[in-house]
Amino acid sequence: LDNDVNGNPRYYVPVYMFSRNDGTFYR
């Protein structure tokens, strides 16, 4: 993604990449 206001790099990751074995998602 575009850098934040301080110039730090940002990355987007889809929510489904962080899922438990039972199919629920977590933050």
PDB file of all heavy atoms in Angstrom:
ATOM      1  N   LEU A   1       0.848  -1.193   0.000  1.00  0.00           N
ATOM      2  CA  LEU A   1       0.000   0.000   0.000  1.00  0.00           C
ATOM      3  C   LEU A   1       0.882   1.241   0.000  1.00  0.00           C
ATOM      4  O   LEU A   1       2.101   1.147   0.150  1.00  0.00           O
ATOM      5  CB  LEU A   1      -0.902   0.012   1.236  1.00  0.00           C
ATOM      6  CG  LEU A   1      -1.857  -1.159   1.409  1.00  0.00           C
ATOM      7  CD1 LEU A   1      -2.545  -1.067   2.759  1.00  0.00           C
ATOM      8  CD2 LEU A   1      -2.867  -1.192   0.288  1.00  0.00           C
ATOM      9  N   ASP A   2       0.262   2.396  -0.118  1.00  0.00           N
ATOM     10  CA  ASP A   2       1.005   3.650  -0.001  1.00  0.00           C
ATOM     11  C   ASP A   2       1.562   3.785   1.405  1.00  0.00           C
ATOM     12  O   ASP A   2       0.993   3.262   2.370  1.00  0.00           O
ATOM     13  CB  ASP A   2       0.097   4.849  -0.290  1.00  0.00           C
ATOM     14  CG  ASP A   2      -0.335   4.916  -1.742  1.00  0.00           C
ATOM     15  OD1 ASP A   2       0.373   4.346  -2.596  1.00  0.00           O
ATOM     16  OD2 ASP A   2      -1.378   5.527  -2.016  1.00  0.00           O
ATOM     17  N   ASN A   3       2.660   4.500   1.533  1.00  0.00           N
ATOM     18  CA  ASN A   3       3.244   4.743   2.853  1.00  0.00           C
ATOM     19  C   ASN A   3       2.276   5.543   3.718  1.00  0.00           C
ATOM     20  O   ASN A   3       1.427   6.274   3.212  1.00  0.00           O
ATOM     21  CB  ASN A   3       4.549   5.513   2.728  1.00  0.00           C
ATOM     22  CG  ASN A   3       5.646   4.691   2.092  1.00  0.00           C
ATOM     23  OD1 ASN A   3       5.480   3.505   1.828  1.00  0.00           O
ATOM     24  ND2 ASN A   3       6.763   5.324   1.842  1.00  0.00           N
ATOM     25  N   ASP A   4       2.443   5.431   5.048  1.00  0.00           N
ATOM     26  CA  ASP A   4       1.621   6.249   5.937  1.00  0.00           C
ATOM     27  C   ASP A   4       2.165   7.682   5.942  1.00  0.00           C
ATOM     28  O   ASP A   4       3.109   7.995   5.226  1.00  0.00           O
ATOM     29  CB  ASP A   4       1.557   5.640   7.343  1.00  0.00           C
ATOM     30  CG  ASP A   4       2.891   5.661   8.081  1.00  0.00           C
ATOM     31  OD1 ASP A   4       3.881   6.190   7.537  1.00  0.00           O
ATOM     32  OD2 ASP A   4       2.941   5.145   9.199  1.00  0.00           O
ATOM     33  N   VAL A   5       1.566   8.553   6.739  1.00  0.00           N
ATOM     34  CA  VAL A   5       1.949   9.970   6.733  1.00  0.00           C
ATOM     35  C   VAL A   5       3.386  10.194   7.195  1.00  0.00           C
ATOM     36  O   VAL A   5       3.988  11.215   6.879  1.00  0.00           O
ATOM     37  CB  VAL A   5       0.988  10.823   7.594  1.00  0.00           C
ATOM     38  CG1 VAL A   5      -0.393  10.820   6.998  1.00  0.00           C
ATOM     39  CG2 VAL A   5       0.960  10.355   9.024  1.00  0.00           C
ATOM     40  N   ASN A   6       3.955   9.235   7.929  1.00  0.00           N
ATOM     41  CA  ASN A   6       5.334   9.361   8.396  1.00  0.00           C
ATOM     42  C   ASN A   6       6.337   8.682   7.469  1.00  0.00           C
ATOM     43  O   ASN A   6       7.527   8.646   7.769  1.00  0.00           O
ATOM     44  CB  ASN A   6       5.466   8.770   9.799  1.00  0.00           C
ATOM     45  CG  ASN A   6       4.635   9.531  10.795  1.00  0.00           C
ATOM     46  OD1 ASN A   6       4.608  10.752  10.772  1.00  0.00           O
ATOM     47  ND2 ASN A   6       3.937   8.822  11.659  1.00  0.00           N
ATOM     48  N   GLY A   7       5.857   8.088   6.381  1.00  0.00           N
ATOM     49  CA  GLY A   7       6.754   7.460   5.419  1.00  0.00           C
ATOM     50  C   GLY A   7       7.028   5.994   5.666  1.00  0.00           C
ATOM     51  O   GLY A   7       7.885   5.407   5.009  1.00  0.00           O
ATOM     52  N   ASN A   8       6.336   5.388   6.609  1.00  0.00           N
ATOM     53  CA  ASN A   8       6.553   3.980   6.911  1.00  0.00           C
ATOM     54  C   ASN A   8       5.805   3.088   5.910  1.00  0.00           C
ATOM     55  O   ASN A   8       4.683   3.383   5.532  1.00  0.00           O
ATOM     56  CB  ASN A   8       6.064   3.656   8.326  1.00  0.00           C
ATOM     57  CG  ASN A   8       6.812   4.443   9.365  1.00  0.00           C
ATOM     58  OD1 ASN A   8       8.027   4.561   9.310  1.00  0.00           O
ATOM     59  ND2 ASN A   8       6.090   5.008  10.307  1.00  0.00           N
ATOM     60  N   PRO A   9       6.418   1.982   5.483  1.00  0.00           N
ATOM     61  CA  PRO A   9       5.763   1.099   4.518  1.00  0.00           C
ATOM     62  C   PRO A   9       4.592   0.349   5.148  1.00  0.00           C
ATOM     63  O   PRO A   9       4.631  -0.021   6.316  1.00  0.00           O
ATOM     64  CB  PRO A   9       6.880   0.135   4.105  1.00  0.00           C
ATOM     65  CG  PRO A   9       7.856   0.177   5.205  1.00  0.00           C
ATOM     66  CD  PRO A   9       7.756   1.530   5.823  1.00  0.00           C
ATOM     67  N   ARG A  10       3.534   0.132   4.334  1.00  0.00           N
ATOM     68  CA  ARG A  10       2.346  -0.587   4.795  1.00  0.00           C
ATOM     69  C   ARG A  10       2.011  -1.691   3.802  1.00  0.00           C
ATOM     70  O   ARG A  10       2.228  -1.551   2.603  1.00  0.00           O
ATOM     71  CB  ARG A  10       1.158   0.353   4.917  1.00  0.00           C
ATOM     72  CG  ARG A  10       1.353   1.455   5.908  1.00  0.00           C
ATOM     73  CD  ARG A  10       0.146   2.357   6.078  1.00  0.00           C
ATOM     74  NE  ARG A  10      -0.508   2.649   4.824  1.00  0.00           N
ATOM     75  CZ  ARG A  10      -1.831   2.703   4.656  1.00  0.00           C
ATOM     76  NH1 ARG A  10      -2.627   2.496   5.667  1.00  0.00           N
ATOM     77  NH2 ARG A  10      -2.358   2.994   3.478  1.00  0.00           N
ATOM     78  N   TYR A  11       1.454  -2.786   4.324  1.00  0.00           N
ATOM     79  CA  TYR A  11       1.101  -3.937   3.502  1.00  0.00           C
ATOM     80  C   TYR A  11      -0.287  -4.431   3.862  1.00  0.00           C
ATOM     81  O   TYR A  11      -0.652  -4.492   5.038  1.00  0.00           O
ATOM     82  CB  TYR A  11       2.105  -5.078   3.724  1.00  0.00           C
ATOM     83  CG  TYR A  11       3.502  -4.725   3.319  1.00  0.00           C
ATOM     84  CD1 TYR A  11       4.384  -4.161   4.228  1.00  0.00           C
ATOM     85  CD2 TYR A  11       3.944  -4.949   2.026  1.00  0.00           C
ATOM     86  CE1 TYR A  11       5.665  -3.824   3.857  1.00  0.00           C
ATOM     87  CE2 TYR A  11       5.226  -4.614   1.644  1.00  0.00           C
ATOM     88  CZ  TYR A  11       6.087  -4.064   2.562  1.00  0.00           C
ATOM     89  OH  TYR A  11       7.352  -3.722   2.194  1.00  0.00           O
ATOM     90  N   TYR A  12      -1.054  -4.819   2.849  1.00  0.00           N
ATOM     91  CA  TYR A  12      -2.394  -5.382   3.027  1.00  0.00           C
ATOM     92  C   TYR A  12      -2.304  -6.905   2.937  1.00  0.00           C
ATOM     93  O   TYR A  12      -1.675  -7.455   2.030  1.00  0.00           O
ATOM     94  CB  TYR A  12      -3.332  -4.864   1.938  1.00  0.00           C
ATOM     95  CG  TYR A  12      -4.606  -5.652   1.802  1.00  0.00           C
ATOM     96  CD1 TYR A  12      -5.668  -5.418   2.652  1.00  0.00           C
ATOM     97  CD2 TYR A  12      -4.742  -6.630   0.830  1.00  0.00           C
ATOM     98  CE1 TYR A  12      -6.837  -6.151   2.538  1.00  0.00           C
ATOM     99  CE2 TYR A  12      -5.907  -7.363   0.708  1.00  0.00           C
ATOM    100  CZ  TYR A  12      -6.945  -7.118   1.565  1.00  0.00           C
ATOM    101  OH  TYR A  12      -8.092  -7.845   1.456  1.00  0.00           O
ATOM    102  N   VAL A  13      -2.956  -7.570   3.903  1.00  0.00           N
ATOM    103  CA  VAL A  13      -3.041  -9.027   3.910  1.00  0.00           C
ATOM    104  C   VAL A  13      -4.512  -9.398   4.035  1.00  0.00           C
ATOM    105  O   VAL A  13      -5.191  -8.922   4.956  1.00  0.00           O
ATOM    106  CB  VAL A  13      -2.234  -9.627   5.085  1.00  0.00           C
ATOM    107  CG1 VAL A  13      -2.376 -11.131   5.133  1.00  0.00           C
ATOM    108  CG2 VAL A  13      -0.778  -9.238   4.986  1.00  0.00           C
ATOM    109  N   PRO A  14      -5.046 -10.251   3.143  1.00  0.00           N
ATOM    110  CA  PRO A  14      -6.459 -10.640   3.232  1.00  0.00           C
ATOM    111  C   PRO A  14      -6.772 -11.364   4.541  1.00  0.00           C
ATOM    112  O   PRO A  14      -5.917 -12.050   5.100  1.00  0.00           O
ATOM    113  CB  PRO A  14      -6.651 -11.581   2.041  1.00  0.00           C
ATOM    114  CG  PRO A  14      -5.526 -11.305   1.128  1.00  0.00           C
ATOM    115  CD  PRO A  14      -4.391 -10.821   1.970  1.00  0.00           C
ATOM    116  N   VAL A  15      -7.986 -11.214   4.997  1.00  0.00           N
ATOM    117  CA  VAL A  15      -8.395 -11.768   6.288  1.00  0.00           C
ATOM    118  C   VAL A  15      -8.318 -13.295   6.305  1.00  0.00           C
ATOM    119  O   VAL A  15      -8.007 -13.896   7.331  1.00  0.00           O
ATOM    120  CB  VAL A  15      -9.805 -11.260   6.672  1.00  0.00           C
ATOM    121  CG1 VAL A  15     -10.865 -11.889   5.810  1.00  0.00           C
ATOM    122  CG2 VAL A  15     -10.100 -11.498   8.125  1.00  0.00           C
ATOM    123  N   TYR A  16      -8.563 -13.953   5.184  1.00  0.00           N
ATOM    124  CA  TYR A  16      -8.595 -15.422   5.175  1.00  0.00           C
ATOM    125  C   TYR A  16      -7.224 -16.061   5.396  1.00  0.00           C
ATOM    126  O   TYR A  16      -7.130 -17.248   5.672  1.00  0.00           O
ATOM    127  CB  TYR A  16      -9.208 -15.944   3.880  1.00  0.00           C
ATOM    128  CG  TYR A  16      -8.402 -15.664   2.635  1.00  0.00           C
ATOM    129  CD1 TYR A  16      -7.355 -16.504   2.256  1.00  0.00           C
ATOM    130  CD2 TYR A  16      -8.681 -14.571   1.831  1.00  0.00           C
ATOM    131  CE1 TYR A  16      -6.612 -16.252   1.123  1.00  0.00           C
ATOM    132  CE2 TYR A  16      -7.955 -14.310   0.689  1.00  0.00           C
ATOM    133  CZ  TYR A  16      -6.914 -15.162   0.339  1.00  0.00           C
ATOM    134  OH  TYR A  16      -6.188 -14.898  -0.783  1.00  0.00           O
ATOM    135  N   MET A  17      -6.164 -15.285   5.309  1.00  0.00           N
ATOM    136  CA  MET A  17      -4.828 -15.838   5.540  1.00  0.00           C
ATOM    137  C   MET A  17      -4.567 -16.114   7.015  1.00  0.00           C
ATOM    138  O   MET A  17      -3.661 -16.862   7.346  1.00  0.00           O
ATOM    139  CB  MET A  17      -3.772 -14.903   4.985  1.00  0.00           C
ATOM    140  CG  MET A  17      -3.885 -14.702   3.515  1.00  0.00           C
ATOM    141  SD  MET A  17      -2.316 -14.790   2.757  1.00  0.00           S
ATOM    142  CE  MET A  17      -2.768 -14.540   1.060  1.00  0.00           C
ATOM    143  N   PHE A  18      -5.352 -15.511   7.875  1.00  0.00           N
ATOM    144  CA  PHE A  18      -5.221 -15.749   9.308  1.00  0.00           C
ATOM    145  C   PHE A  18      -6.476 -16.459   9.799  1.00  0.00           C
ATOM    146  O   PHE A  18      -7.375 -15.852  10.369  1.00  0.00           O
ATOM    147  CB  PHE A  18      -5.015 -14.433  10.064  1.00  0.00           C
ATOM    148  CG  PHE A  18      -3.673 -13.825   9.803  1.00  0.00           C
ATOM    149  CD1 PHE A  18      -3.513 -12.847   8.834  1.00  0.00           C
ATOM    150  CD2 PHE A  18      -2.559 -14.239  10.506  1.00  0.00           C
ATOM    151  CE1 PHE A  18      -2.280 -12.286   8.577  1.00  0.00           C
ATOM    152  CE2 PHE A  18      -1.312 -13.683  10.260  1.00  0.00           C
ATOM    153  CZ  PHE A  18      -1.178 -12.711   9.294  1.00  0.00           C
ATOM    154  N   SER A  19      -6.550 -17.757   9.540  1.00  0.00           N
ATOM    155  CA  SER A  19      -7.708 -18.541   9.969  1.00  0.00           C
ATOM    156  C   SER A  19      -7.233 -19.729  10.797  1.00  0.00           C
ATOM    157  O   SER A  19      -6.131 -20.250  10.615  1.00  0.00           O
ATOM    158  CB  SER A  19      -8.519 -19.018   8.761  1.00  0.00           C
ATOM    159  OG  SER A  19      -7.741 -19.863   7.954  1.00  0.00           O
ATOM    160  N   ARG A  20      -8.081 -20.140  11.705  1.00  0.00           N
ATOM    161  CA  ARG A  20      -7.793 -21.297  12.547  1.00  0.00           C
ATOM    162  C   ARG A  20      -8.210 -22.571  11.806  1.00  0.00           C
ATOM    163  O   ARG A  20      -8.819 -22.525  10.748  1.00  0.00           O
ATOM    164  CB  ARG A  20      -8.545 -21.174  13.866  1.00  0.00           C
ATOM    165  CG  ARG A  20      -8.080 -20.005  14.692  1.00  0.00           C
ATOM    166  CD  ARG A  20      -8.737 -20.009  16.064  1.00  0.00           C
ATOM    167  NE  ARG A  20      -8.205 -18.923  16.865  1.00  0.00           N
ATOM    168  CZ  ARG A  20      -8.788 -17.751  17.013  1.00  0.00           C
ATOM    169  NH1 ARG A  20      -9.931 -17.504  16.426  1.00  0.00           N
ATOM    170  NH2 ARG A  20      -8.237 -16.818  17.754  1.00  0.00           N
ATOM    171  N   ASN A  21      -7.907 -23.709  12.401  1.00  0.00           N
ATOM    172  CA  ASN A  21      -8.253 -24.993  11.783  1.00  0.00           C
ATOM    173  C   ASN A  21      -9.755 -25.204  11.663  1.00  0.00           C
ATOM    174  O   ASN A  21     -10.210 -25.924  10.787  1.00  0.00           O
ATOM    175  CB  ASN A  21      -7.628 -26.143  12.566  1.00  0.00           C
ATOM    176  CG  ASN A  21      -6.111 -26.135  12.460  1.00  0.00           C
ATOM    177  OD1 ASN A  21      -5.560 -25.616  11.503  1.00  0.00           O
ATOM    178  ND2 ASN A  21      -5.443 -26.690  13.442  1.00  0.00           N
ATOM    179  N   ASP A  22     -10.542 -24.602  12.557  1.00  0.00           N
ATOM    180  CA  ASP A  22     -11.995 -24.770  12.507  1.00  0.00           C
ATOM    181  C   ASP A  22     -12.668 -23.798  11.533  1.00  0.00           C
ATOM    182  O   ASP A  22     -13.889 -23.775  11.422  1.00  0.00           O
ATOM    183  CB  ASP A  22     -12.611 -24.643  13.901  1.00  0.00           C
ATOM    184  CG  ASP A  22     -12.382 -23.269  14.518  1.00  0.00           C
ATOM    185  OD1 ASP A  22     -11.679 -22.440  13.914  1.00  0.00           O
ATOM    186  OD2 ASP A  22     -12.911 -23.029  15.615  1.00  0.00           O
ATOM    187  N   GLY A  23     -11.886 -22.996  10.823  1.00  0.00           N
ATOM    188  CA  GLY A  23     -12.430 -22.097   9.805  1.00  0.00           C
ATOM    189  C   GLY A  23     -12.734 -20.689  10.278  1.00  0.00           C
ATOM    190  O   GLY A  23     -13.154 -19.860   9.488  1.00  0.00           O
ATOM    191  N   THR A  24     -12.526 -20.389  11.548  1.00  0.00           N
ATOM    192  CA  THR A  24     -12.773 -19.033  12.039  1.00  0.00           C
ATOM    193  C   THR A  24     -11.532 -18.171  11.817  1.00  0.00           C
ATOM    194  O   THR A  24     -10.415 -18.662  11.772  1.00  0.00           O
ATOM    195  CB  THR A  24     -13.123 -19.043  13.538  1.00  0.00           C
ATOM    196  OG1 THR A  24     -12.038 -19.627  14.262  1.00  0.00           O
ATOM    197  CG2 THR A  24     -14.394 -19.827  13.794  1.00  0.00           C
ATOM    198  N   PHE A  25     -11.759 -16.874  11.659  1.00  0.00           N
ATOM    199  CA  PHE A  25     -10.675 -15.929  11.428  1.00  0.00           C
ATOM    200  C   PHE A  25     -10.286 -15.269  12.742  1.00  0.00           C
ATOM    201  O   PHE A  25     -11.095 -15.145  13.647  1.00  0.00           O
ATOM    202  CB  PHE A  25     -11.096 -14.859  10.427  1.00  0.00           C
ATOM    203  CG  PHE A  25     -11.571 -15.432   9.118  1.00  0.00           C
ATOM    204  CD1 PHE A  25     -12.870 -15.252   8.696  1.00  0.00           C
ATOM    205  CD2 PHE A  25     -10.715 -16.159   8.322  1.00  0.00           C
ATOM    206  CE1 PHE A  25     -13.309 -15.772   7.509  1.00  0.00           C
ATOM    207  CE2 PHE A  25     -11.140 -16.691   7.121  1.00  0.00           C
ATOM    208  CZ  PHE A  25     -12.442 -16.496   6.714  1.00  0.00           C
ATOM    209  N   TYR A  26      -9.037 -14.829  12.830  1.00  0.00           N
ATOM    210  CA  TYR A  26      -8.590 -14.114  14.022  1.00  0.00           C
ATOM    211  C   TYR A  26      -7.777 -12.897  13.616  1.00  0.00           C
ATOM    212  O   TYR A  26      -7.234 -12.834  12.515  1.00  0.00           O
ATOM    213  CB  TYR A  26      -7.783 -15.020  14.952  1.00  0.00           C
ATOM    214  CG  TYR A  26      -6.466 -15.505  14.383  1.00  0.00           C
ATOM    215  CD1 TYR A  26      -5.286 -14.820  14.653  1.00  0.00           C
ATOM    216  CD2 TYR A  26      -6.393 -16.644  13.594  1.00  0.00           C
ATOM    217  CE1 TYR A  26      -4.075 -15.260  14.149  1.00  0.00           C
ATOM    218  CE2 TYR A  26      -5.186 -17.089  13.088  1.00  0.00           C
ATOM    219  CZ  TYR A  26      -4.031 -16.398  13.372  1.00  0.00           C
ATOM    220  OH  TYR A  26      -2.844 -16.825  12.870  1.00  0.00           O
ATOM    221  N   ARG A  27      -7.728 -11.920  14.516  1.00  0.00           N
ATOM    222  CA  ARG A  27      -6.961 -10.702  14.286  1.00  0.00           C
ATOM    223  C   ARG A  27      -5.541 -10.919  14.792  1.00  0.00           C
ATOM    224  O   ARG A  27      -5.319 -11.126  15.984  1.00  0.00           O
ATOM    225  CB  ARG A  27      -7.591  -9.527  15.016  1.00  0.00           C
ATOM    226  CG  ARG A  27      -6.838  -8.232  14.802  1.00  0.00           C
ATOM    227  CD  ARG A  27      -7.471  -7.118  15.635  1.00  0.00           C
ATOM    228  NE  ARG A  27      -6.815  -5.861  15.405  1.00  0.00           N
ATOM    229  CZ  ARG A  27      -5.751  -5.440  16.091  1.00  0.00           C
ATOM    230  NH1 ARG A  27      -5.248  -6.181  17.034  1.00  0.00           N
ATOM    231  NH2 ARG A  27      -5.206  -4.282  15.820  1.00  0.00           N
TER     232      ARG A  27
END
